[in-house]
PDB file of N, CA and C in Angstrom:
ATOM      1  N   MET A   1      29.604  12.970  -6.286  1.00  0.00           N
ATOM      2  CA  MET A   1      28.732  12.863  -5.148  1.00  0.00           C
ATOM      3  C   MET A   1      27.396  12.242  -5.537  1.00  0.00           C
ATOM      4  N   GLY A   2      26.854  12.624  -6.650  1.00  0.00           N
ATOM      5  CA  GLY A   2      25.562  12.110  -7.074  1.00  0.00           C
ATOM      6  C   GLY A   2      25.695  10.992  -8.087  1.00  0.00           C
ATOM      7  N   SER A   3      26.703  10.158  -7.969  1.00  0.00           N
ATOM      8  CA  SER A   3      26.930   9.109  -8.958  1.00  0.00           C
ATOM      9  C   SER A   3      25.928   7.968  -8.841  1.00  0.00           C
ATOM     10  N   GLY A   4      25.196   7.894  -7.724  1.00  0.00           N
ATOM     11  CA  GLY A   4      24.175   6.873  -7.561  1.00  0.00           C
ATOM     12  C   GLY A   4      24.741   5.550  -7.106  1.00  0.00           C
ATOM     13  N   GLY A   5      23.888   4.707  -6.607  1.00  0.00           N
ATOM     14  CA  GLY A   5      24.304   3.385  -6.156  1.00  0.00           C
ATOM     15  C   GLY A   5      25.110   3.429  -4.867  1.00  0.00           C
ATOM     16  N   PHE A   6      25.520   2.295  -4.404  1.00  0.00           N
ATOM     17  CA  PHE A   6      26.333   2.202  -3.197  1.00  0.00           C
ATOM     18  C   PHE A   6      27.781   1.963  -3.593  1.00  0.00           C
ATOM     19  N   THR A   7      28.664   2.666  -2.949  1.00  0.00           N
ATOM     20  CA  THR A   7      30.084   2.462  -3.219  1.00  0.00           C
ATOM     21  C   THR A   7      30.660   1.532  -2.163  1.00  0.00           C
ATOM     22  N   ASP A   8      31.863   1.065  -2.386  1.00  0.00           N
ATOM     23  CA  ASP A   8      32.522   0.191  -1.409  1.00  0.00           C
ATOM     24  C   ASP A   8      32.869   0.936  -0.128  1.00  0.00           C
ATOM     25  N   LYS A   9      32.946   2.238  -0.192  1.00  0.00           N
ATOM     26  CA  LYS A   9      33.291   3.033   0.978  1.00  0.00           C
ATOM     27  C   LYS A   9      32.178   3.021   2.017  1.00  0.00           C
ATOM     28  N   MET A  10      30.963   2.694   1.626  1.00  0.00           N
ATOM     29  CA  MET A  10      29.824   2.730   2.553  1.00  0.00           C
ATOM     30  C   MET A  10      29.724   1.456   3.388  1.00  0.00           C
ATOM     31  N   HIS A  11      30.396   0.401   3.005  1.00  0.00           N
ATOM     32  CA  HIS A  11      30.369  -0.875   3.719  1.00  0.00           C
ATOM     33  C   HIS A  11      28.937  -1.374   3.942  1.00  0.00           C
ATOM     34  N   VAL A  12      28.154  -1.343   2.886  1.00  0.00           N
ATOM     35  CA  VAL A  12      26.767  -1.797   2.957  1.00  0.00           C
ATOM     36  C   VAL A  12      26.718  -3.262   2.560  1.00  0.00           C
ATOM     37  N   LYS A  13      26.060  -4.073   3.385  1.00  0.00           N
ATOM     38  CA  LYS A  13      25.882  -5.491   3.082  1.00  0.00           C
ATOM     39  C   LYS A  13      24.405  -5.744   2.803  1.00  0.00           C
ATOM     40  N   LYS A  14      24.154  -6.575   1.831  1.00  0.00           N
ATOM     41  CA  LYS A  14      22.773  -6.936   1.532  1.00  0.00           C
ATOM     42  C   LYS A  14      22.273  -7.920   2.567  1.00  0.00           C
ATOM     43  N   ASN A  15      21.045  -7.725   2.979  1.00  0.00           N
ATOM     44  CA  ASN A  15      20.403  -8.646   3.901  1.00  0.00           C
ATOM     45  C   ASN A  15      19.677  -9.693   3.062  1.00  0.00           C
ATOM     46  N   LYS A  16      20.005 -10.964   3.245  1.00  0.00           N
ATOM     47  CA  LYS A  16      19.438 -12.004   2.386  1.00  0.00           C
ATOM     48  C   LYS A  16      17.929 -12.123   2.565  1.00  0.00           C
ATOM     49  N   TYR A  17      17.413 -11.820   3.762  1.00  0.00           N
ATOM     50  CA  TYR A  17      15.972 -11.915   3.990  1.00  0.00           C
ATOM     51  C   TYR A  17      15.226 -10.786   3.276  1.00  0.00           C
ATOM     52  N   VAL A  18      15.805  -9.612   3.288  1.00  0.00           N
ATOM     53  CA  VAL A  18      15.198  -8.490   2.570  1.00  0.00           C
ATOM     54  C   VAL A  18      15.225  -8.745   1.071  1.00  0.00           C
ATOM     55  N   GLU A  19      16.315  -9.265   0.579  1.00  0.00           N
ATOM     56  CA  GLU A  19      16.420  -9.562  -0.851  1.00  0.00           C
ATOM     57  C   GLU A  19      15.434 -10.656  -1.260  1.00  0.00           C
ATOM     58  N   GLU A  20      15.242 -11.648  -0.409  1.00  0.00           N
ATOM     59  CA  GLU A  20      14.273 -12.710  -0.701  1.00  0.00           C
ATOM     60  C   GLU A  20      12.859 -12.146  -0.732  1.00  0.00           C
ATOM     61  N   TRP A  21      12.525 -11.281   0.229  1.00  0.00           N
ATOM     62  CA  TRP A  21      11.191 -10.675   0.282  1.00  0.00           C
ATOM     63  C   TRP A  21      10.965  -9.824  -0.975  1.00  0.00           C
ATOM     64  N   ASN A  22      11.975  -9.077  -1.373  1.00  0.00           N
ATOM     65  CA  ASN A  22      11.867  -8.250  -2.567  1.00  0.00           C
ATOM     66  C   ASN A  22      11.625  -9.116  -3.797  1.00  0.00           C
ATOM     67  N   GLY A  23      12.313 -10.225  -3.891  1.00  0.00           N
ATOM     68  CA  GLY A  23      12.110 -11.132  -5.018  1.00  0.00           C
ATOM     69  C   GLY A  23      10.712 -11.716  -5.037  1.00  0.00           C
ATOM     70  N   ARG A  24      10.190 -12.056  -3.877  1.00  0.00           N
ATOM     71  CA  ARG A  24       8.811 -12.582  -3.801  1.00  0.00           C
ATOM     72  C   ARG A  24       7.792 -11.527  -4.213  1.00  0.00           C
ATOM     73  N   ARG A  25       8.043 -10.287  -3.825  1.00  0.00           N
ATOM     74  CA  ARG A  25       7.126  -9.209  -4.195  1.00  0.00           C
ATOM     75  C   ARG A  25       7.087  -9.018  -5.701  1.00  0.00           C
ATOM     76  N   GLU A  26       8.234  -9.188  -6.354  1.00  0.00           N
ATOM     77  CA  GLU A  26       8.297  -8.971  -7.797  1.00  0.00           C
ATOM     78  C   GLU A  26       7.548 -10.042  -8.582  1.00  0.00           C
ATOM     79  N   ILE A  27       7.418 -11.248  -8.026  1.00  0.00           N
ATOM     80  CA  ILE A  27       6.750 -12.320  -8.777  1.00  0.00           C
ATOM     81  C   ILE A  27       5.349 -12.616  -8.242  1.00  0.00           C
ATOM     82  N   THR A  28       4.819 -11.738  -7.407  1.00  0.00           N
ATOM     83  CA  THR A  28       3.496 -11.975  -6.828  1.00  0.00           C
ATOM     84  C   THR A  28       2.426 -12.115  -7.901  1.00  0.00           C
ATOM     85  N   GLU A  29       2.447 -11.229  -8.887  1.00  0.00           N
ATOM     86  CA  GLU A  29       1.396 -11.300  -9.902  1.00  0.00           C
ATOM     87  C   GLU A  29       1.479 -12.570 -10.732  1.00  0.00           C
ATOM     88  N   MET A  30       2.650 -13.172 -10.816  1.00  0.00           N
ATOM     89  CA  MET A  30       2.764 -14.436 -11.564  1.00  0.00           C
ATOM     90  C   MET A  30       2.340 -15.624 -10.695  1.00  0.00           C
ATOM     91  N   ALA A  31       2.515 -15.520  -9.378  1.00  0.00           N
ATOM     92  CA  ALA A  31       2.183 -16.624  -8.488  1.00  0.00           C
ATOM     93  C   ALA A  31       0.734 -16.573  -8.020  1.00  0.00           C
ATOM     94  N   PHE A  32       0.082 -15.419  -8.161  1.00  0.00           N
ATOM     95  CA  PHE A  32      -1.295 -15.259  -7.691  1.00  0.00           C
ATOM     96  C   PHE A  32      -2.248 -15.997  -8.619  1.00  0.00           C
ATOM     97  N   GLU A  33      -3.145 -16.760  -8.032  1.00  0.00           N
ATOM     98  CA  GLU A  33      -4.126 -17.467  -8.850  1.00  0.00           C
ATOM     99  C   GLU A  33      -5.476 -17.464  -8.153  1.00  0.00           C
ATOM    100  N   VAL A  34      -6.502 -17.425  -8.965  1.00  0.00           N
ATOM    101  CA  VAL A  34      -7.870 -17.481  -8.462  1.00  0.00           C
ATOM    102  C   VAL A  34      -8.451 -18.799  -8.926  1.00  0.00           C
ATOM    103  N   ASN A  35      -8.931 -19.569  -7.960  1.00  0.00           N
ATOM    104  CA  ASN A  35      -9.590 -20.818  -8.282  1.00  0.00           C
ATOM    105  C   ASN A  35     -10.810 -20.943  -7.367  1.00  0.00           C
ATOM    106  N   PRO A  36     -11.634 -21.941  -7.540  1.00  0.00           N
ATOM    107  CA  PRO A  36     -12.830 -22.054  -6.708  1.00  0.00           C
ATOM    108  C   PRO A  36     -12.535 -22.106  -5.205  1.00  0.00           C
ATOM    109  N   GLY A  37     -11.340 -22.502  -4.821  1.00  0.00           N
ATOM    110  CA  GLY A  37     -11.009 -22.551  -3.399  1.00  0.00           C
ATOM    111  C   GLY A  37     -10.655 -21.194  -2.808  1.00  0.00           C
ATOM    112  N   THR A  38     -10.042 -20.318  -3.617  1.00  0.00           N
ATOM    113  CA  THR A  38      -9.626 -19.012  -3.114  1.00  0.00           C
ATOM    114  C   THR A  38     -10.639 -17.913  -3.388  1.00  0.00           C
ATOM    115  N   LEU A  39     -11.586 -18.138  -4.282  1.00  0.00           N
ATOM    116  CA  LEU A  39     -12.561 -17.111  -4.646  1.00  0.00           C
ATOM    117  C   LEU A  39     -13.398 -16.628  -3.465  1.00  0.00           C
ATOM    118  N   PRO A  40     -13.918 -17.487  -2.597  1.00  0.00           N
ATOM    119  CA  PRO A  40     -14.707 -16.972  -1.464  1.00  0.00           C
ATOM    120  C   PRO A  40     -13.903 -16.049  -0.547  1.00  0.00           C
ATOM    121  N   ALA A  41     -12.664 -16.354  -0.288  1.00  0.00           N
ATOM    122  CA  ALA A  41     -11.847 -15.496   0.572  1.00  0.00           C
ATOM    123  C   ALA A  41     -11.595 -14.151  -0.097  1.00  0.00           C
ATOM    124  N   ILE A  42     -11.335 -14.150  -1.398  1.00  0.00           N
ATOM    125  CA  ILE A  42     -11.105 -12.899  -2.120  1.00  0.00           C
ATOM    126  C   ILE A  42     -12.348 -12.032  -2.081  1.00  0.00           C
ATOM    127  N   LEU A  43     -13.505 -12.613  -2.358  1.00  0.00           N
ATOM    128  CA  LEU A  43     -14.754 -11.852  -2.321  1.00  0.00           C
ATOM    129  C   LEU A  43     -15.052 -11.339  -0.921  1.00  0.00           C
ATOM    130  N   PHE A  44     -14.774 -12.132   0.093  1.00  0.00           N
ATOM    131  CA  PHE A  44     -15.029 -11.716   1.465  1.00  0.00           C
ATOM    132  C   PHE A  44     -14.184 -10.502   1.832  1.00  0.00           C
ATOM    133  N   PHE A  45     -12.871 -10.577   1.579  1.00  0.00           N
ATOM    134  CA  PHE A  45     -11.986  -9.492   1.978  1.00  0.00           C
ATOM    135  C   PHE A  45     -12.063  -8.280   1.046  1.00  0.00           C
ATOM    136  N   ALA A  46     -12.532  -8.461  -0.180  1.00  0.00           N
ATOM    137  CA  ALA A  46     -12.636  -7.346  -1.114  1.00  0.00           C
ATOM    138  C   ALA A  46     -14.016  -6.703  -1.102  1.00  0.00           C
ATOM    139  N   GLY A  47     -15.016  -7.389  -0.558  1.00  0.00           N
ATOM    140  CA  GLY A  47     -16.372  -6.849  -0.588  1.00  0.00           C
ATOM    141  C   GLY A  47     -17.042  -6.758   0.760  1.00  0.00           C
ATOM    142  N   VAL A  48     -17.082  -7.854   1.480  1.00  0.00           N
ATOM    143  CA  VAL A  48     -17.826  -7.902   2.739  1.00  0.00           C
ATOM    144  C   VAL A  48     -17.147  -7.067   3.835  1.00  0.00           C
ATOM    145  N   VAL A  49     -15.850  -7.197   3.966  1.00  0.00           N
ATOM    146  CA  VAL A  49     -15.133  -6.462   5.023  1.00  0.00           C
ATOM    147  C   VAL A  49     -15.215  -4.949   4.805  1.00  0.00           C
ATOM    148  N   PRO A  50     -14.927  -4.409   3.605  1.00  0.00           N
ATOM    149  CA  PRO A  50     -15.067  -2.957   3.421  1.00  0.00           C
ATOM    150  C   PRO A  50     -16.497  -2.462   3.633  1.00  0.00           C
ATOM    151  N   PHE A  51     -17.489  -3.226   3.170  1.00  0.00           N
ATOM    152  CA  PHE A  51     -18.878  -2.812   3.371  1.00  0.00           C
ATOM    153  C   PHE A  51     -19.233  -2.840   4.854  1.00  0.00           C
ATOM    154  N   GLY A  52     -18.726  -3.809   5.587  1.00  0.00           N
ATOM    155  CA  GLY A  52     -18.983  -3.867   7.029  1.00  0.00           C
ATOM    156  C   GLY A  52     -18.383  -2.674   7.757  1.00  0.00           C
ATOM    157  N   ILE A  53     -17.178  -2.295   7.403  1.00  0.00           N
ATOM    158  CA  ILE A  53     -16.552  -1.126   8.017  1.00  0.00           C
ATOM    159  C   ILE A  53     -17.349   0.131   7.679  1.00  0.00           C
ATOM    160  N   TYR A  54     -17.780   0.258   6.435  1.00  0.00           N
ATOM    161  CA  TYR A  54     -18.597   1.399   6.026  1.00  0.00           C
ATOM    162  C   TYR A  54     -19.900   1.446   6.820  1.00  0.00           C
ATOM    163  N   SER A  55     -20.576   0.312   6.948  1.00  0.00           N
ATOM    164  CA  SER A  55     -21.855   0.277   7.651  1.00  0.00           C
ATOM    165  C   SER A  55     -21.709   0.650   9.121  1.00  0.00           C
ATOM    166  N   LEU A  56     -20.690   0.103   9.775  1.00  0.00           N
ATOM    167  CA  LEU A  56     -20.476   0.427  11.185  1.00  0.00           C
ATOM    168  C   LEU A  56     -20.135   1.896  11.384  1.00  0.00           C
ATOM    169  N   THR A  57     -19.317   2.452  10.507  1.00  0.00           N
ATOM    170  CA  THR A  57     -18.946   3.853  10.614  1.00  0.00           C
ATOM    171  C   THR A  57     -20.146   4.754  10.373  1.00  0.00           C
ATOM    172  N   ARG A  58     -20.942   4.432   9.377  1.00  0.00           N
ATOM    173  CA  ARG A  58     -22.132   5.233   9.075  1.00  0.00           C
ATOM    174  C   ARG A  58     -23.129   5.189  10.219  1.00  0.00           C
ATOM    175  N   ARG A  59     -23.331   3.996  10.789  1.00  0.00           N
ATOM    176  CA  ARG A  59     -24.252   3.863  11.904  1.00  0.00           C
ATOM    177  C   ARG A  59     -23.789   4.699  13.103  1.00  0.00           C
ATOM    178  N   GLU A  60     -22.492   4.696  13.361  1.00  0.00           N
ATOM    179  CA  GLU A  60     -21.966   5.478  14.478  1.00  0.00           C
ATOM    180  C   GLU A  60     -22.165   6.976  14.244  1.00  0.00           C
ATOM    181  N   LEU A  61     -21.948   7.437  13.005  1.00  0.00           N
ATOM    182  CA  LEU A  61     -22.156   8.846  12.703  1.00  0.00           C
ATOM    183  C   LEU A  61     -23.629   9.233  12.881  1.00  0.00           C
ATOM    184  N   ILE A  62     -24.542   8.353  12.501  1.00  0.00           N
ATOM    185  CA  ILE A  62     -25.969   8.640  12.647  1.00  0.00           C
ATOM    186  C   ILE A  62     -26.349   8.684  14.125  1.00  0.00           C
ATOM    187  N   ILE A  63     -25.905   7.718  14.900  1.00  0.00           N
ATOM    188  CA  ILE A  63     -26.263   7.643  16.325  1.00  0.00           C
ATOM    189  C   ILE A  63     -25.704   8.833  17.092  1.00  0.00           C
ATOM    190  N   LYS A  64     -24.474   9.215  16.835  1.00  0.00           N
ATOM    191  CA  LYS A  64     -23.831  10.313  17.564  1.00  0.00           C
ATOM    192  C   LYS A  64     -24.301  11.677  17.080  1.00  0.00           C
ATOM    193  N   GLY A  65     -24.988  11.750  15.972  1.00  0.00           N
ATOM    194  CA  GLY A  65     -25.430  13.028  15.434  1.00  0.00           C
ATOM    195  C   GLY A  65     -24.264  13.882  14.975  1.00  0.00           C
ATOM    196  N   ASP A  66     -23.297  13.268  14.382  1.00  0.00           N
ATOM    197  CA  ASP A  66     -22.088  13.951  13.959  1.00  0.00           C
ATOM    198  C   ASP A  66     -22.409  15.009  12.903  1.00  0.00           C
ATOM    199  N   PRO A  67     -21.803  16.196  13.016  1.00  0.00           N
ATOM    200  CA  PRO A  67     -22.065  17.249  12.027  1.00  0.00           C
ATOM    201  C   PRO A  67     -21.690  16.858  10.603  1.00  0.00           C
ATOM    202  N   ARG A  68     -20.697  15.985  10.440  1.00  0.00           N
ATOM    203  CA  ARG A  68     -20.323  15.560   9.090  1.00  0.00           C
ATOM    204  C   ARG A  68     -21.462  14.819   8.418  1.00  0.00           C
ATOM    205  N   TYR A  69     -22.207  14.058   9.192  1.00  0.00           N
ATOM    206  CA  TYR A  69     -23.342  13.339   8.609  1.00  0.00           C
ATOM    207  C   TYR A  69     -24.477  14.304   8.306  1.00  0.00           C
ATOM    208  N   LYS A  70     -24.705  15.266   9.184  1.00  0.00           N
ATOM    209  CA  LYS A  70     -25.784  16.223   8.977  1.00  0.00           C
ATOM    210  C   LYS A  70     -25.524  17.102   7.760  1.00  0.00           C
ATOM    211  N   ARG A  71     -24.253  17.492   7.528  1.00  0.00           N
ATOM    212  CA  ARG A  71     -23.897  18.340   6.387  1.00  0.00           C
ATOM    213  C   ARG A  71     -23.955  17.578   5.077  1.00  0.00           C
ATOM    214  N   SER A  72     -23.950  16.261   5.119  1.00  0.00           N
ATOM    215  CA  SER A  72     -23.887  15.481   3.882  1.00  0.00           C
ATOM    216  C   SER A  72     -25.185  15.512   3.109  1.00  0.00           C
ATOM    217  N   GLY A  73     -26.270  15.944   3.735  1.00  0.00           N
ATOM    218  CA  GLY A  73     -27.554  15.978   3.060  1.00  0.00           C
ATOM    219  C   GLY A  73     -28.325  14.674   3.158  1.00  0.00           C
ATOM    220  N   LEU A  74     -27.787  13.682   3.862  1.00  0.00           N
ATOM    221  CA  LEU A  74     -28.467  12.413   4.003  1.00  0.00           C
ATOM    222  C   LEU A  74     -29.355  12.368   5.246  1.00  0.00           C
ATOM    223  N   ALA A  75     -29.156  13.309   6.150  1.00  0.00           N
ATOM    224  CA  ALA A  75     -29.893  13.297   7.418  1.00  0.00           C
ATOM    225  C   ALA A  75     -31.273  13.887   7.246  1.00  0.00           C
TER     226      ALA A  75
END
């Protein structure tokens, strides 16, 4: 029962699109490259977007007088 894998009795067929996606995921780190053209987008999505979400959330907590902000010791 616990022999693992799929047996012929299950009639499982591989989906070629799923297998292709899985293969692409496995080689992502080899295909990923940083060059002067991609660096601004990486910095934007890794730095500016998270900081913007943080700033908007913090501002909303301050304006609404949320107890979580008051308990944090920053108020």
